[in-house]
């Protein structure tokens, strides 16, 4: 079963598309479709409503607190 993100402003290092549809399957992008392409029945659809979709971008920004160090290399600091 696929998941579709429709009406997305897709940005990646080599592609920028407006009003695109991304088909995701098993955690990976299967294909990029035009906004008016018919979608198969049974998939889950999320409407991005023109918002940015940036595949592969991981926001690693975090803060520690309450006496815990979350930026070190020792996982015991956060578990």
C-alpha atoms as a PDB file:
ATOM      1  CA  UNK A   1       0.000   0.000   0.000  1.00  0.00           C
ATOM      2  CA  UNK A   2       1.410   3.375  -0.975  1.00  0.00           C
ATOM      3  CA  UNK A   3       1.240   6.768   0.685  1.00  0.00           C
ATOM      4  CA  UNK A   4       0.830   9.865  -1.469  1.00  0.00           C
ATOM      5  CA  UNK A   5       1.833  13.424  -0.603  1.00  0.00           C
ATOM      6  CA  UNK A   6      -0.085  15.666  -2.991  1.00  0.00           C
ATOM      7  CA  UNK A   7       0.235  19.358  -3.884  1.00  0.00           C
ATOM      8  CA  UNK A   8       3.814  19.499  -2.585  1.00  0.00           C
ATOM      9  CA  UNK A   9       6.517  22.047  -3.337  1.00  0.00           C
ATOM     10  CA  UNK A  10       9.295  19.494  -3.811  1.00  0.00           C
ATOM     11  CA  UNK A  11      12.890  20.630  -3.319  1.00  0.00           C
ATOM     12  CA  UNK A  12      16.000  18.463  -3.578  1.00  0.00           C
ATOM     13  CA  UNK A  13      19.559  19.202  -4.753  1.00  0.00           C
ATOM     14  CA  UNK A  14      18.721  18.519  -8.402  1.00  0.00           C
ATOM     15  CA  UNK A  15      14.934  19.035  -8.578  1.00  0.00           C
ATOM     16  CA  UNK A  16      12.424  21.741  -7.729  1.00  0.00           C
ATOM     17  CA  UNK A  17       8.820  21.067  -8.647  1.00  0.00           C
ATOM     18  CA  UNK A  18       5.698  22.903  -7.689  1.00  0.00           C
ATOM     19  CA  UNK A  19       2.395  21.089  -7.140  1.00  0.00           C
ATOM     20  CA  UNK A  20       3.977  17.645  -7.293  1.00  0.00           C
ATOM     21  CA  UNK A  21       2.733  14.341  -5.907  1.00  0.00           C
ATOM     22  CA  UNK A  22       5.165  11.936  -4.244  1.00  0.00           C
ATOM     23  CA  UNK A  23       4.374   8.247  -4.007  1.00  0.00           C
ATOM     24  CA  UNK A  24       6.009   6.594  -0.990  1.00  0.00           C
ATOM     25  CA  UNK A  25       6.254   2.828  -0.616  1.00  0.00           C
ATOM     26  CA  UNK A  26       7.995   0.961   2.212  1.00  0.00           C
ATOM     27  CA  UNK A  27       9.696   4.141   3.415  1.00  0.00           C
ATOM     28  CA  UNK A  28      11.113   5.172   0.040  1.00  0.00           C
ATOM     29  CA  UNK A  29      10.043   7.475  -2.753  1.00  0.00           C
ATOM     30  CA  UNK A  30       8.713   5.244  -5.501  1.00  0.00           C
ATOM     31  CA  UNK A  31       7.975   7.999  -8.005  1.00  0.00           C
ATOM     32  CA  UNK A  32       7.137  11.672  -8.474  1.00  0.00           C
ATOM     33  CA  UNK A  33       3.910  12.444 -10.301  1.00  0.00           C
ATOM     34  CA  UNK A  34       2.248  15.516 -11.736  1.00  0.00           C
ATOM     35  CA  UNK A  35      -0.479  16.947  -9.530  1.00  0.00           C
ATOM     36  CA  UNK A  36      -3.228  15.923 -11.938  1.00  0.00           C
ATOM     37  CA  UNK A  37      -2.090  12.277 -12.254  1.00  0.00           C
ATOM     38  CA  UNK A  38      -4.735   9.766 -11.122  1.00  0.00           C
ATOM     39  CA  UNK A  39      -3.899   8.001  -7.856  1.00  0.00           C
ATOM     40  CA  UNK A  40      -4.501   4.286  -7.314  1.00  0.00           C
ATOM     41  CA  UNK A  41      -7.355   3.405  -4.973  1.00  0.00           C
ATOM     42  CA  UNK A  42      -6.573   2.322  -1.440  1.00  0.00           C
ATOM     43  CA  UNK A  43      -3.536   4.487  -0.720  1.00  0.00           C
ATOM     44  CA  UNK A  44      -3.209   6.997   2.096  1.00  0.00           C
ATOM     45  CA  UNK A  45      -3.239  10.601   0.868  1.00  0.00           C
ATOM     46  CA  UNK A  46      -1.784  13.643   2.629  1.00  0.00           C
ATOM     47  CA  UNK A  47      -2.394  17.072   1.080  1.00  0.00           C
ATOM     48  CA  UNK A  48       0.737  19.209   1.532  1.00  0.00           C
ATOM     49  CA  UNK A  49      -1.243  22.277   0.369  1.00  0.00           C
ATOM     50  CA  UNK A  50       1.831  23.838  -1.260  1.00  0.00           C
ATOM     51  CA  UNK A  51       4.146  23.270   1.688  1.00  0.00           C
ATOM     52  CA  UNK A  52       7.793  22.344   1.218  1.00  0.00           C
ATOM     53  CA  UNK A  53       8.717  18.679   1.007  1.00  0.00           C
ATOM     54  CA  UNK A  54      12.472  18.139   1.253  1.00  0.00           C
ATOM     55  CA  UNK A  55      13.306  14.413   0.914  1.00  0.00           C
ATOM     56  CA  UNK A  56      16.336  13.302   2.879  1.00  0.00           C
ATOM     57  CA  UNK A  57      16.431  16.380   5.105  1.00  0.00           C
ATOM     58  CA  UNK A  58      16.885  15.420   8.742  1.00  0.00           C
ATOM     59  CA  UNK A  59      16.613  18.132  11.375  1.00  0.00           C
ATOM     60  CA  UNK A  60      19.163  17.158  14.007  1.00  0.00           C
ATOM     61  CA  UNK A  61      18.650  20.274  16.120  1.00  0.00           C
ATOM     62  CA  UNK A  62      18.046  19.383  19.759  1.00  0.00           C
ATOM     63  CA  UNK A  63      18.545  20.760  23.260  1.00  0.00           C
ATOM     64  CA  UNK A  64      19.441  19.048  26.501  1.00  0.00           C
ATOM     65  CA  UNK A  65      17.828  19.872  29.736  1.00  0.00           C
ATOM     66  CA  UNK A  66      16.952  18.805  33.248  1.00  0.00           C
ATOM     67  CA  UNK A  67      20.574  17.786  33.818  1.00  0.00           C
ATOM     68  CA  UNK A  68      20.805  15.437  30.826  1.00  0.00           C
ATOM     69  CA  UNK A  69      23.438  15.720  28.104  1.00  0.00           C
ATOM     70  CA  UNK A  70      21.919  14.796  24.735  1.00  0.00           C
ATOM     71  CA  UNK A  71      24.713  15.928  22.430  1.00  0.00           C
ATOM     72  CA  UNK A  72      27.436  13.564  23.652  1.00  0.00           C
ATOM     73  CA  UNK A  73      28.331  10.187  22.198  1.00  0.00           C
ATOM     74  CA  UNK A  74      27.253   8.217  25.297  1.00  0.00           C
ATOM     75  CA  UNK A  75      23.647   7.000  24.823  1.00  0.00           C
ATOM     76  CA  UNK A  76      23.271   6.537  28.600  1.00  0.00           C
ATOM     77  CA  UNK A  77      22.938  10.308  28.795  1.00  0.00           C
ATOM     78  CA  UNK A  78      19.475  10.172  27.232  1.00  0.00           C
ATOM     79  CA  UNK A  79      18.207   6.683  28.084  1.00  0.00           C
END
